[in-house]
Amino acid sequence: MAHQTGYDDDEFPWDREGVTLNTKYPYVCHAEMNAILNYRGSKKDLENAKLYVDLFPCNECAKIIIQSGIKEVIYLSDKYANSENNIASRRLFDKCGITYKKIDLETEKKIEIELK
């Protein structure tokens, strides 16, 4: 599938294991990076914003979140909590004043979005 960046996803590997250059990891970006980089509004719109994500962000995404001005991350799962990447993410967020919390779908079933 061709994207606006001009390359076809099918020309790159999608394996999860093996020699790094033959896996998907050097070629894809995570959803957080994709959303922030492709946002077409003013960067000011992201300042003090909340970001809702499925997985707790990796350290690379954490750096982009911090630089974008987002101040809160709400996540559904932290299944890689003990990985070095996620430990680094929490350190970065803590030092930079980014708050984060796991959403509890048992008690928190309503998400409101206010557009200004």
PDB file of N, CA and C in Angstrom:
ATOM      1  N   MET A   1       0.846  -1.176   0.000  1.00  0.00           N
ATOM      2  CA  MET A   1       0.000   0.000   0.000  1.00  0.00           C
ATOM      3  C   MET A   1       0.894   1.242   0.000  1.00  0.00           C
ATOM      4  N   ALA A   2       0.733   2.105  -0.970  1.00  0.00           N
ATOM      5  CA  ALA A   2       1.526   3.326  -1.048  1.00  0.00           C
ATOM      6  C   ALA A   2       0.975   4.369  -0.079  1.00  0.00           C
ATOM      7  N   HIS A   3       1.859   5.096   0.524  1.00  0.00           N
ATOM      8  CA  HIS A   3       1.482   6.153   1.457  1.00  0.00           C
ATOM      9  C   HIS A   3       1.904   7.500   0.891  1.00  0.00           C
ATOM     10  N   GLN A   4       1.484   8.561   1.524  1.00  0.00           N
ATOM     11  CA  GLN A   4       1.824   9.879   1.031  1.00  0.00           C
ATOM     12  C   GLN A   4       3.334  10.128   1.068  1.00  0.00           C
ATOM     13  N   THR A   5       4.075   9.305   1.789  1.00  0.00           N
ATOM     14  CA  THR A   5       5.523   9.456   1.819  1.00  0.00           C
ATOM     15  C   THR A   5       6.157   8.909   0.553  1.00  0.00           C
ATOM     16  N   GLY A   6       5.401   8.147  -0.237  1.00  0.00           N
ATOM     17  CA  GLY A   6       5.876   7.706  -1.520  1.00  0.00           C
ATOM     18  C   GLY A   6       6.457   6.308  -1.565  1.00  0.00           C
ATOM     19  N   TYR A   7       6.441   5.546  -0.495  1.00  0.00           N
ATOM     20  CA  TYR A   7       6.951   4.187  -0.581  1.00  0.00           C
ATOM     21  C   TYR A   7       5.849   3.180  -0.291  1.00  0.00           C
ATOM     22  N   ASP A   8       6.074   1.987  -0.790  1.00  0.00           N
ATOM     23  CA  ASP A   8       5.099   0.911  -0.681  1.00  0.00           C
ATOM     24  C   ASP A   8       5.477   0.008   0.489  1.00  0.00           C
ATOM     25  N   ASP A   9       4.578  -0.157   1.461  1.00  0.00           N
ATOM     26  CA  ASP A   9       4.832  -1.013   2.625  1.00  0.00           C
ATOM     27  C   ASP A   9       5.230  -2.428   2.227  1.00  0.00           C
ATOM     28  N   ASP A  10       4.682  -2.914   1.123  1.00  0.00           N
ATOM     29  CA  ASP A  10       4.937  -4.289   0.710  1.00  0.00           C
ATOM     30  C   ASP A  10       6.387  -4.508   0.250  1.00  0.00           C
ATOM     31  N   GLU A  11       7.127  -3.438   0.052  1.00  0.00           N
ATOM     32  CA  GLU A  11       8.525  -3.563  -0.366  1.00  0.00           C
ATOM     33  C   GLU A  11       9.466  -3.738   0.822  1.00  0.00           C
ATOM     34  N   PHE A  12       8.932  -3.727   2.030  1.00  0.00           N
ATOM     35  CA  PHE A  12       9.748  -3.856   3.235  1.00  0.00           C
ATOM     36  C   PHE A  12       9.312  -5.086   4.021  1.00  0.00           C
ATOM     37  N   PRO A  13      10.237  -5.649   4.793  1.00  0.00           N
ATOM     38  CA  PRO A  13       9.897  -6.851   5.565  1.00  0.00           C
ATOM     39  C   PRO A  13       8.951  -6.548   6.718  1.00  0.00           C
ATOM     40  N   TRP A  14       8.198  -7.568   7.127  1.00  0.00           N
ATOM     41  CA  TRP A  14       7.273  -7.448   8.248  1.00  0.00           C
ATOM     42  C   TRP A  14       7.558  -8.472   9.336  1.00  0.00           C
ATOM     43  N   ASP A  15       8.697  -9.173   9.232  1.00  0.00           N
ATOM     44  CA  ASP A  15       9.052 -10.162  10.244  1.00  0.00           C
ATOM     45  C   ASP A  15       9.329  -9.494  11.578  1.00  0.00           C
ATOM     46  N   ARG A  16       9.073 -10.225  12.663  1.00  0.00           N
ATOM     47  CA  ARG A  16       9.324  -9.731  14.016  1.00  0.00           C
ATOM     48  C   ARG A  16      10.633 -10.264  14.588  1.00  0.00           C
ATOM     49  N   GLU A  17      11.182 -11.289  13.967  1.00  0.00           N
ATOM     50  CA  GLU A  17      12.414 -11.909  14.463  1.00  0.00           C
ATOM     51  C   GLU A  17      13.390 -12.091  13.322  1.00  0.00           C
ATOM     52  N   GLY A  18      14.676 -12.159  13.683  1.00  0.00           N
ATOM     53  CA  GLY A  18      15.711 -12.393  12.692  1.00  0.00           C
ATOM     54  C   GLY A  18      16.704 -11.259  12.666  1.00  0.00           C
ATOM     55  N   VAL A  19      17.474 -11.196  11.605  1.00  0.00           N
ATOM     56  CA  VAL A  19      18.451 -10.128  11.414  1.00  0.00           C
ATOM     57  C   VAL A  19      17.685  -8.804  11.358  1.00  0.00           C
ATOM     58  N   THR A  20      18.141  -7.827  12.105  1.00  0.00           N
ATOM     59  CA  THR A  20      17.412  -6.560  12.261  1.00  0.00           C
ATOM     60  C   THR A  20      16.949  -5.969  10.937  1.00  0.00           C
ATOM     61  N   LEU A  21      17.821  -5.896   9.953  1.00  0.00           N
ATOM     62  CA  LEU A  21      17.441  -5.283   8.675  1.00  0.00           C
ATOM     63  C   LEU A  21      16.403  -6.085   7.905  1.00  0.00           C
ATOM     64  N   ASN A  22      16.166  -7.316   8.320  1.00  0.00           N
ATOM     65  CA  ASN A  22      15.148  -8.145   7.688  1.00  0.00           C
ATOM     66  C   ASN A  22      13.874  -8.232   8.520  1.00  0.00           C
ATOM     67  N   THR A  23      13.758  -7.372   9.535  1.00  0.00           N
ATOM     68  CA  THR A  23      12.543  -7.286  10.339  1.00  0.00           C
ATOM     69  C   THR A  23      11.860  -5.950  10.074  1.00  0.00           C
ATOM     70  N   LYS A  24      10.699  -5.786  10.631  1.00  0.00           N
ATOM     71  CA  LYS A  24       9.939  -4.544  10.422  1.00  0.00           C
ATOM     72  C   LYS A  24      10.485  -3.368  11.229  1.00  0.00           C
ATOM     73  N   TYR A  25      11.223  -3.637  12.286  1.00  0.00           N
ATOM     74  CA  TYR A  25      11.557  -2.606  13.271  1.00  0.00           C
ATOM     75  C   TYR A  25      12.343  -1.397  12.748  1.00  0.00           C
ATOM     76  N   PRO A  26      13.294  -1.538  11.850  1.00  0.00           N
ATOM     77  CA  PRO A  26      13.974  -0.322  11.401  1.00  0.00           C
ATOM     78  C   PRO A  26      13.164   0.523  10.419  1.00  0.00           C
ATOM     79  N   TYR A  27      12.016   0.005   9.978  1.00  0.00           N
ATOM     80  CA  TYR A  27      11.275   0.670   8.908  1.00  0.00           C
ATOM     81  C   TYR A  27       9.936   1.270   9.318  1.00  0.00           C
ATOM     82  N   VAL A  28       9.406   0.879  10.449  1.00  0.00           N
ATOM     83  CA  VAL A  28       8.086   1.372  10.849  1.00  0.00           C
ATOM     84  C   VAL A  28       8.214   2.394  11.977  1.00  0.00           C
ATOM     85  N   CYS A  29       7.186   3.199  12.121  1.00  0.00           N
ATOM     86  CA  CYS A  29       7.127   4.092  13.278  1.00  0.00           C
ATOM     87  C   CYS A  29       5.877   3.737  14.077  1.00  0.00           C
ATOM     88  N   HIS A  30       5.940   3.992  15.368  1.00  0.00           N
ATOM     89  CA  HIS A  30       4.811   3.697  16.247  1.00  0.00           C
ATOM     90  C   HIS A  30       3.693   4.716  16.039  1.00  0.00           C
ATOM     91  N   ALA A  31       2.516   4.369  16.512  1.00  0.00           N
ATOM     92  CA  ALA A  31       1.330   5.209  16.317  1.00  0.00           C
ATOM     93  C   ALA A  31       1.503   6.597  16.922  1.00  0.00           C
ATOM     94  N   GLU A  32       2.172   6.688  18.081  1.00  0.00           N
ATOM     95  CA  GLU A  32       2.366   7.996  18.719  1.00  0.00           C
ATOM     96  C   GLU A  32       3.162   8.914  17.806  1.00  0.00           C
ATOM     97  N   MET A  33       4.271   8.405  17.279  1.00  0.00           N
ATOM     98  CA  MET A  33       5.105   9.196  16.381  1.00  0.00           C
ATOM     99  C   MET A  33       4.323   9.571  15.127  1.00  0.00           C
ATOM    100  N   ASN A  34       3.626   8.619  14.568  1.00  0.00           N
ATOM    101  CA  ASN A  34       2.859   8.859  13.358  1.00  0.00           C
ATOM    102  C   ASN A  34       1.809   9.950  13.581  1.00  0.00           C
ATOM    103  N   ALA A  35       1.094   9.866  14.702  1.00  0.00           N
ATOM    104  CA  ALA A  35       0.047  10.857  14.985  1.00  0.00           C
ATOM    105  C   ALA A  35       0.627  12.253  15.173  1.00  0.00           C
ATOM    106  N   ILE A  36       1.720  12.351  15.925  1.00  0.00           N
ATOM    107  CA  ILE A  36       2.313  13.661  16.196  1.00  0.00           C
ATOM    108  C   ILE A  36       2.937  14.252  14.937  1.00  0.00           C
ATOM    109  N   LEU A  37       3.671  13.451  14.187  1.00  0.00           N
ATOM    110  CA  LEU A  37       4.324  13.965  12.983  1.00  0.00           C
ATOM    111  C   LEU A  37       3.338  14.320  11.883  1.00  0.00           C
ATOM    112  N   ASN A  38       2.202  13.631  11.835  1.00  0.00           N
ATOM    113  CA  ASN A  38       1.226  13.895  10.776  1.00  0.00           C
ATOM    114  C   ASN A  38       0.129  14.863  11.184  1.00  0.00           C
ATOM    115  N   TYR A  39       0.184  15.374  12.402  1.00  0.00           N
ATOM    116  CA  TYR A  39      -0.810  16.346  12.842  1.00  0.00           C
ATOM    117  C   TYR A  39      -0.663  17.607  11.992  1.00  0.00           C
ATOM    118  N   ARG A  40      -1.729  18.070  11.443  1.00  0.00           N
ATOM    119  CA  ARG A  40      -1.677  19.204  10.515  1.00  0.00           C
ATOM    120  C   ARG A  40      -2.075  20.537  11.144  1.00  0.00           C
ATOM    121  N   GLY A  41      -2.391  20.532  12.427  1.00  0.00           N
ATOM    122  CA  GLY A  41      -2.727  21.779  13.105  1.00  0.00           C
ATOM    123  C   GLY A  41      -1.477  22.466  13.621  1.00  0.00           C
ATOM    124  N   SER A  42      -1.673  23.440  14.453  1.00  0.00           N
ATOM    125  CA  SER A  42      -0.566  24.174  15.073  1.00  0.00           C
ATOM    126  C   SER A  42       0.041  23.347  16.201  1.00  0.00           C
ATOM    127  N   LYS A  43       1.348  23.394  16.342  1.00  0.00           N
ATOM    128  CA  LYS A  43       2.013  22.707  17.449  1.00  0.00           C
ATOM    129  C   LYS A  43       1.448  23.184  18.784  1.00  0.00           C
ATOM    130  N   LYS A  44       1.001  24.411  18.836  1.00  0.00           N
ATOM    131  CA  LYS A  44       0.414  24.954  20.071  1.00  0.00           C
ATOM    132  C   LYS A  44      -0.797  24.131  20.502  1.00  0.00           C
ATOM    133  N   ASP A  45      -1.497  23.513  19.547  1.00  0.00           N
ATOM    134  CA  ASP A  45      -2.671  22.702  19.865  1.00  0.00           C
ATOM    135  C   ASP A  45      -2.316  21.485  20.715  1.00  0.00           C
ATOM    136  N   LEU A  46      -1.079  20.998  20.610  1.00  0.00           N
ATOM    137  CA  LEU A  46      -0.666  19.813  21.356  1.00  0.00           C
ATOM    138  C   LEU A  46      -0.185  20.145  22.767  1.00  0.00           C
ATOM    139  N   GLU A  47       0.155  21.393  23.017  1.00  0.00           N
ATOM    140  CA  GLU A  47       0.655  21.779  24.337  1.00  0.00           C
ATOM    141  C   GLU A  47      -0.401  21.536  25.405  1.00  0.00           C
ATOM    142  N   ASN A  48      -0.001  20.833  26.453  1.00  0.00           N
ATOM    143  CA  ASN A  48      -0.858  20.480  27.586  1.00  0.00           C
ATOM    144  C   ASN A  48      -1.966  19.495  27.223  1.00  0.00           C
ATOM    145  N   ALA A  49      -1.845  18.837  26.077  1.00  0.00           N
ATOM    146  CA  ALA A  49      -2.866  17.881  25.641  1.00  0.00           C
ATOM    147  C   ALA A  49      -2.711  16.547  26.364  1.00  0.00           C
ATOM    148  N   LYS A  50      -3.754  15.717  26.251  1.00  0.00           N
ATOM    149  CA  LYS A  50      -3.729  14.338  26.726  1.00  0.00           C
ATOM    150  C   LYS A  50      -3.598  13.443  25.505  1.00  0.00           C
ATOM    151  N   LEU A  51      -2.848  12.365  25.665  1.00  0.00           N
ATOM    152  CA  LEU A  51      -2.681  11.389  24.600  1.00  0.00           C
ATOM    153  C   LEU A  51      -3.209  10.050  25.090  1.00  0.00           C
ATOM    154  N   TYR A  52      -4.149   9.472  24.358  1.00  0.00           N
ATOM    155  CA  TYR A  52      -4.705   8.164  24.697  1.00  0.00           C
ATOM    156  C   TYR A  52      -4.051   7.120  23.797  1.00  0.00           C
ATOM    157  N   VAL A  53      -3.464   6.093  24.413  1.00  0.00           N
ATOM    158  CA  VAL A  53      -2.753   5.068  23.662  1.00  0.00           C
ATOM    159  C   VAL A  53      -3.145   3.681  24.156  1.00  0.00           C
ATOM    160  N   ASP A  54      -2.962   2.706  23.308  1.00  0.00           N
ATOM    161  CA  ASP A  54      -3.223   1.318  23.667  1.00  0.00           C
ATOM    162  C   ASP A  54      -2.113   0.806  24.587  1.00  0.00           C
ATOM    163  N   LEU A  55      -0.860   0.874  24.123  1.00  0.00           N
ATOM    164  CA  LEU A  55       0.287   0.417  24.908  1.00  0.00           C
ATOM    165  C   LEU A  55       1.053   1.605  25.475  1.00  0.00           C
ATOM    166  N   PHE A  56       1.596   1.435  26.674  1.00  0.00           N
ATOM    167  CA  PHE A  56       2.446   2.476  27.262  1.00  0.00           C
ATOM    168  C   PHE A  56       3.571   2.774  26.270  1.00  0.00           C
ATOM    169  N   PRO A  57       3.873   4.037  26.020  1.00  0.00           N
ATOM    170  CA  PRO A  57       4.839   4.408  24.983  1.00  0.00           C
ATOM    171  C   PRO A  57       6.269   3.928  25.276  1.00  0.00           C
ATOM    172  N   CYS A  58       6.960   3.565  24.211  1.00  0.00           N
ATOM    173  CA  CYS A  58       8.376   3.215  24.318  1.00  0.00           C
ATOM    174  C   CYS A  58       9.189   4.489  24.550  1.00  0.00           C
ATOM    175  N   ASN A  59      10.468   4.335  24.813  1.00  0.00           N
ATOM    176  CA  ASN A  59      11.321   5.486  25.088  1.00  0.00           C
ATOM    177  C   ASN A  59      11.444   6.424  23.883  1.00  0.00           C
ATOM    178  N   GLU A  60      11.455   5.880  22.671  1.00  0.00           N
ATOM    179  CA  GLU A  60      11.559   6.745  21.492  1.00  0.00           C
ATOM    180  C   GLU A  60      10.301   7.606  21.350  1.00  0.00           C
ATOM    181  N   CYS A  61       9.142   7.012  21.541  1.00  0.00           N
ATOM    182  CA  CYS A  61       7.896   7.774  21.480  1.00  0.00           C
ATOM    183  C   CYS A  61       7.796   8.746  22.645  1.00  0.00           C
ATOM    184  N   ALA A  62       8.305   8.354  23.810  1.00  0.00           N
ATOM    185  CA  ALA A  62       8.279   9.245  24.974  1.00  0.00           C
ATOM    186  C   ALA A  62       8.997  10.550  24.666  1.00  0.00           C
ATOM    187  N   LYS A  63      10.138  10.471  23.997  1.00  0.00           N
ATOM    188  CA  LYS A  63      10.891  11.687  23.662  1.00  0.00           C
ATOM    189  C   LYS A  63      10.085  12.586  22.735  1.00  0.00           C
ATOM    190  N   ILE A  64       9.388  11.994  21.783  1.00  0.00           N
ATOM    191  CA  ILE A  64       8.576  12.779  20.851  1.00  0.00           C
ATOM    192  C   ILE A  64       7.375  13.388  21.577  1.00  0.00           C
ATOM    193  N   ILE A  65       6.768  12.630  22.470  1.00  0.00           N
ATOM    194  CA  ILE A  65       5.644  13.137  23.258  1.00  0.00           C
ATOM    195  C   ILE A  65       6.081  14.340  24.082  1.00  0.00           C
ATOM    196  N   ILE A  66       7.207  14.226  24.737  1.00  0.00           N
ATOM    197  CA  ILE A  66       7.739  15.322  25.555  1.00  0.00           C
ATOM    198  C   ILE A  66       7.986  16.558  24.699  1.00  0.00           C
ATOM    199  N   GLN A  67       8.665  16.373  23.576  1.00  0.00           N
ATOM    200  CA  GLN A  67       8.994  17.512  22.711  1.00  0.00           C
ATOM    201  C   GLN A  67       7.753  18.163  22.100  1.00  0.00           C
ATOM    202  N   SER A  68       6.671  17.409  21.962  1.00  0.00           N
ATOM    203  CA  SER A  68       5.456  17.958  21.356  1.00  0.00           C
ATOM    204  C   SER A  68       4.678  18.859  22.314  1.00  0.00           C
ATOM    205  N   GLY A  69       4.945  18.722  23.612  1.00  0.00           N
ATOM    206  CA  GLY A  69       4.219  19.526  24.593  1.00  0.00           C
ATOM    207  C   GLY A  69       3.061  18.801  25.256  1.00  0.00           C
ATOM    208  N   ILE A  70       2.801  17.570  24.862  1.00  0.00           N
ATOM    209  CA  ILE A  70       1.745  16.769  25.494  1.00  0.00           C
ATOM    210  C   ILE A  70       2.109  16.583  26.963  1.00  0.00           C
ATOM    211  N   LYS A  71       1.142  16.695  27.859  1.00  0.00           N
ATOM    212  CA  LYS A  71       1.430  16.644  29.298  1.00  0.00           C
ATOM    213  C   LYS A  71       0.859  15.442  30.023  1.00  0.00           C
ATOM    214  N   GLU A  72      -0.009  14.663  29.356  1.00  0.00           N
ATOM    215  CA  GLU A  72      -0.580  13.502  30.040  1.00  0.00           C
ATOM    216  C   GLU A  72      -0.765  12.358  29.047  1.00  0.00           C
ATOM    217  N   VAL A  73      -0.424  11.154  29.492  1.00  0.00           N
ATOM    218  CA  VAL A  73      -0.581   9.949  28.689  1.00  0.00           C
ATOM    219  C   VAL A  73      -1.514   9.007  29.433  1.00  0.00           C
ATOM    220  N   ILE A  74      -2.576   8.602  28.774  1.00  0.00           N
ATOM    221  CA  ILE A  74      -3.511   7.629  29.335  1.00  0.00           C
ATOM    222  C   ILE A  74      -3.367   6.376  28.484  1.00  0.00           C
ATOM    223  N   TYR A  75      -3.061   5.255  29.129  1.00  0.00           N
ATOM    224  CA  TYR A  75      -2.786   4.029  28.388  1.00  0.00           C
ATOM    225  C   TYR A  75      -3.674   2.894  28.864  1.00  0.00           C
ATOM    226  N   LEU A  76      -3.862   1.909  27.998  1.00  0.00           N
ATOM    227  CA  LEU A  76      -4.700   0.756  28.291  1.00  0.00           C
ATOM    228  C   LEU A  76      -3.880  -0.403  28.845  1.00  0.00           C
ATOM    229  N   SER A  77      -2.677  -0.615  28.316  1.00  0.00           N
ATOM    230  CA  SER A  77      -1.860  -1.751  28.723  1.00  0.00           C
ATOM    231  C   SER A  77      -0.405  -1.328  28.898  1.00  0.00           C
ATOM    232  N   ASP A  78       0.254  -1.938  29.863  1.00  0.00           N
ATOM    233  CA  ASP A  78       1.685  -1.716  30.081  1.00  0.00           C
ATOM    234  C   ASP A  78       2.379  -3.074  30.114  1.00  0.00           C
ATOM    235  N   LYS A  79       2.088  -3.887  29.085  1.00  0.00           N
ATOM    236  CA  LYS A  79       2.579  -5.267  29.095  1.00  0.00           C
ATOM    237  C   LYS A  79       4.097  -5.366  28.982  1.00  0.00           C
ATOM    238  N   TYR A  80       4.765  -4.277  28.601  1.00  0.00           N
ATOM    239  CA  TYR A  80       6.225  -4.271  28.546  1.00  0.00           C
ATOM    240  C   TYR A  80       6.816  -3.429  29.679  1.00  0.00           C
ATOM    241  N   ALA A  81       6.109  -3.326  30.778  1.00  0.00           N
ATOM    242  CA  ALA A  81       6.500  -2.452  31.893  1.00  0.00           C
ATOM    243  C   ALA A  81       7.924  -2.676  32.371  1.00  0.00           C
ATOM    244  N   ASN A  82       8.390  -3.915  32.355  1.00  0.00           N
ATOM    245  CA  ASN A  82       9.724  -4.215  32.867  1.00  0.00           C
ATOM    246  C   ASN A  82      10.816  -4.152  31.810  1.00  0.00           C
ATOM    247  N   SER A  83      10.461  -3.772  30.598  1.00  0.00           N
ATOM    248  CA  SER A  83      11.484  -3.645  29.550  1.00  0.00           C
ATOM    249  C   SER A  83      12.293  -2.365  29.796  1.00  0.00           C
ATOM    250  N   GLU A  84      13.534  -2.383  29.355  1.00  0.00           N
ATOM    251  CA  GLU A  84      14.377  -1.199  29.519  1.00  0.00           C
ATOM    252  C   GLU A  84      13.782   0.012  28.824  1.00  0.00           C
ATOM    253  N   ASN A  85      13.160  -0.198  27.662  1.00  0.00           N
ATOM    254  CA  ASN A  85      12.536   0.914  26.938  1.00  0.00           C
ATOM    255  C   ASN A  85      11.449   1.591  27.771  1.00  0.00           C
ATOM    256  N   ASN A  86      10.597   0.801  28.414  1.00  0.00           N
ATOM    257  CA  ASN A  86       9.500   1.396  29.183  1.00  0.00           C
ATOM    258  C   ASN A  86       9.969   1.955  30.520  1.00  0.00           C
ATOM    259  N   ILE A  87      10.993   1.368  31.095  1.00  0.00           N
ATOM    260  CA  ILE A  87      11.586   1.948  32.298  1.00  0.00           C
ATOM    261  C   ILE A  87      12.156   3.324  31.949  1.00  0.00           C
ATOM    262  N   ALA A  88      12.838   3.408  30.806  1.00  0.00           N
ATOM    263  CA  ALA A  88      13.373   4.697  30.349  1.00  0.00           C
ATOM    264  C   ALA A  88      12.252   5.690  30.084  1.00  0.00           C
ATOM    265  N   SER A  89      11.139   5.229  29.511  1.00  0.00           N
ATOM    266  CA  SER A  89       9.995   6.119  29.249  1.00  0.00           C
ATOM    267  C   SER A  89       9.492   6.752  30.538  1.00  0.00           C
ATOM    268  N   ARG A  90       9.310   5.924  31.561  1.00  0.00           N
ATOM    269  CA  ARG A  90       8.815   6.456  32.838  1.00  0.00           C
ATOM    270  C   ARG A  90       9.806   7.440  33.446  1.00  0.00           C
ATOM    271  N   ARG A  91      11.103   7.150  33.352  1.00  0.00           N
ATOM    272  CA  ARG A  91      12.111   8.097  33.847  1.00  0.00           C
ATOM    273  C   ARG A  91      12.012   9.426  33.114  1.00  0.00           C
ATOM    274  N   LEU A  92      11.907   9.359  31.784  1.00  0.00           N
ATOM    275  CA  LEU A  92      11.776  10.581  30.990  1.00  0.00           C
ATOM    276  C   LEU A  92      10.521  11.354  31.373  1.00  0.00           C
ATOM    277  N   PHE A  93       9.390  10.667  31.435  1.00  0.00           N
ATOM    278  CA  PHE A  93       8.136  11.334  31.793  1.00  0.00           C
ATOM    279  C   PHE A  93       8.220  11.949  33.182  1.00  0.00           C
ATOM    280  N   ASP A  94       8.759  11.217  34.148  1.00  0.00           N
ATOM    281  CA  ASP A  94       8.860  11.726  35.520  1.00  0.00           C
ATOM    282  C   ASP A  94       9.730  12.976  35.590  1.00  0.00           C
ATOM    283  N   LYS A  95      10.863  12.965  34.916  1.00  0.00           N
ATOM    284  CA  LYS A  95      11.776  14.123  34.946  1.00  0.00           C
ATOM    285  C   LYS A  95      11.192  15.330  34.230  1.00  0.00           C
ATOM    286  N   CYS A  96      10.337  15.084  33.249  1.00  0.00           N
ATOM    287  CA  CYS A  96       9.802  16.171  32.433  1.00  0.00           C
ATOM    288  C   CYS A  96       8.393  16.588  32.827  1.00  0.00           C
ATOM    289  N   GLY A  97       7.856  16.014  33.901  1.00  0.00           N
ATOM    290  CA  GLY A  97       6.545  16.422  34.386  1.00  0.00           C
ATOM    291  C   GLY A  97       5.376  15.919  33.563  1.00  0.00           C
ATOM    292  N   ILE A  98       5.576  14.827  32.838  1.00  0.00           N
ATOM    293  CA  ILE A  98       4.483  14.232  32.071  1.00  0.00           C
ATOM    294  C   ILE A  98       3.783  13.228  32.982  1.00  0.00           C
ATOM    295  N   THR A  99       2.491  13.384  33.163  1.00  0.00           N
ATOM    296  CA  THR A  99       1.753  12.428  33.983  1.00  0.00           C
ATOM    297  C   THR A  99       1.265  11.294  33.105  1.00  0.00           C
ATOM    298  N   TYR A 100       1.077  10.139  33.713  1.00  0.00           N
ATOM    299  CA  TYR A 100       0.591   8.982  32.978  1.00  0.00           C
ATOM    300  C   TYR A 100      -0.230   8.124  33.910  1.00  0.00           C
ATOM    301  N   LYS A 101      -1.261   7.514  33.340  1.00  0.00           N
ATOM    302  CA  LYS A 101      -2.097   6.629  34.152  1.00  0.00           C
ATOM    303  C   LYS A 101      -2.724   5.565  33.275  1.00  0.00           C
ATOM    304  N   LYS A 102      -2.933   4.433  33.879  1.00  0.00           N
ATOM    305  CA  LYS A 102      -3.592   3.313  33.210  1.00  0.00           C
ATOM    306  C   LYS A 102      -5.093   3.514  33.347  1.00  0.00           C
ATOM    307  N   ILE A 103      -5.791   3.412  32.257  1.00  0.00           N
ATOM    308  CA  ILE A 103      -7.245   3.527  32.304  1.00  0.00           C
ATOM    309  C   ILE A 103      -7.817   2.179  32.754  1.00  0.00           C
ATOM    310  N   ASP A 104      -8.754   2.229  33.633  1.00  0.00           N
ATOM    311  CA  ASP A 104      -9.392   1.026  34.160  1.00  0.00           C
ATOM    312  C   ASP A 104     -10.773   0.919  33.521  1.00  0.00           C
ATOM    313  N   LEU A 105     -10.894   0.042  32.552  1.00  0.00           N
ATOM    314  CA  LEU A 105     -12.157  -0.078  31.820  1.00  0.00           C
ATOM    315  C   LEU A 105     -13.289  -0.655  32.656  1.00  0.00           C
ATOM    316  N   GLU A 106     -12.959  -1.235  33.799  1.00  0.00           N
ATOM    317  CA  GLU A 106     -14.008  -1.741  34.693  1.00  0.00           C
ATOM    318  C   GLU A 106     -14.757  -0.591  35.369  1.00  0.00           C
ATOM    319  N   THR A 107     -14.041   0.477  35.692  1.00  0.00           N
ATOM    320  CA  THR A 107     -14.668   1.594  36.397  1.00  0.00           C
ATOM    321  C   THR A 107     -14.770   2.853  35.536  1.00  0.00           C
ATOM    322  N   GLU A 108     -13.879   3.005  34.567  1.00  0.00           N
ATOM    323  CA  GLU A 108     -13.865   4.205  33.729  1.00  0.00           C
ATOM    324  C   GLU A 108     -14.355   3.838  32.338  1.00  0.00           C
ATOM    325  N   LYS A 109     -15.644   3.994  32.112  1.00  0.00           N
ATOM    326  CA  LYS A 109     -16.223   3.598  30.837  1.00  0.00           C
ATOM    327  C   LYS A 109     -16.588   4.793  29.960  1.00  0.00           C
ATOM    328  N   LYS A 110     -16.343   5.979  30.449  1.00  0.00           N
ATOM    329  CA  LYS A 110     -16.718   7.156  29.684  1.00  0.00           C
ATOM    330  C   LYS A 110     -15.480   8.014  29.445  1.00  0.00           C
ATOM    331  N   ILE A 111     -15.237   8.314  28.179  1.00  0.00           N
ATOM    332  CA  ILE A 111     -14.153   9.210  27.804  1.00  0.00           C
ATOM    333  C   ILE A 111     -14.781  10.396  27.106  1.00  0.00           C
ATOM    334  N   GLU A 112     -14.536  11.582  27.630  1.00  0.00           N
ATOM    335  CA  GLU A 112     -15.065  12.787  27.015  1.00  0.00           C
ATOM    336  C   GLU A 112     -13.929  13.552  26.365  1.00  0.00           C
ATOM    337  N   ILE A 113     -14.179  14.033  25.172  1.00  0.00           N
ATOM    338  CA  ILE A 113     -13.195  14.832  24.441  1.00  0.00           C
ATOM    339  C   ILE A 113     -13.805  16.200  24.211  1.00  0.00           C
ATOM    340  N   GLU A 114     -13.121  17.202  24.683  1.00  0.00           N
ATOM    341  CA  GLU A 114     -13.597  18.581  24.511  1.00  0.00           C
ATOM    342  C   GLU A 114     -12.726  19.264  23.473  1.00  0.00           C
ATOM    343  N   LEU A 115     -13.330  19.701  22.371  1.00  0.00           N
ATOM    344  CA  LEU A 115     -12.610  20.412  21.333  1.00  0.00           C
ATOM    345  C   LEU A 115     -12.822  21.907  21.524  1.00  0.00           C
ATOM    346  N   LYS A 116     -11.728  22.610  21.538  1.00  0.00           N
ATOM    347  CA  LYS A 116     -11.829  24.066  21.748  1.00  0.00           C
ATOM    348  C   LYS A 116     -11.534  24.807  20.475  1.00  0.00           C
TER     349      LYS A 116
END
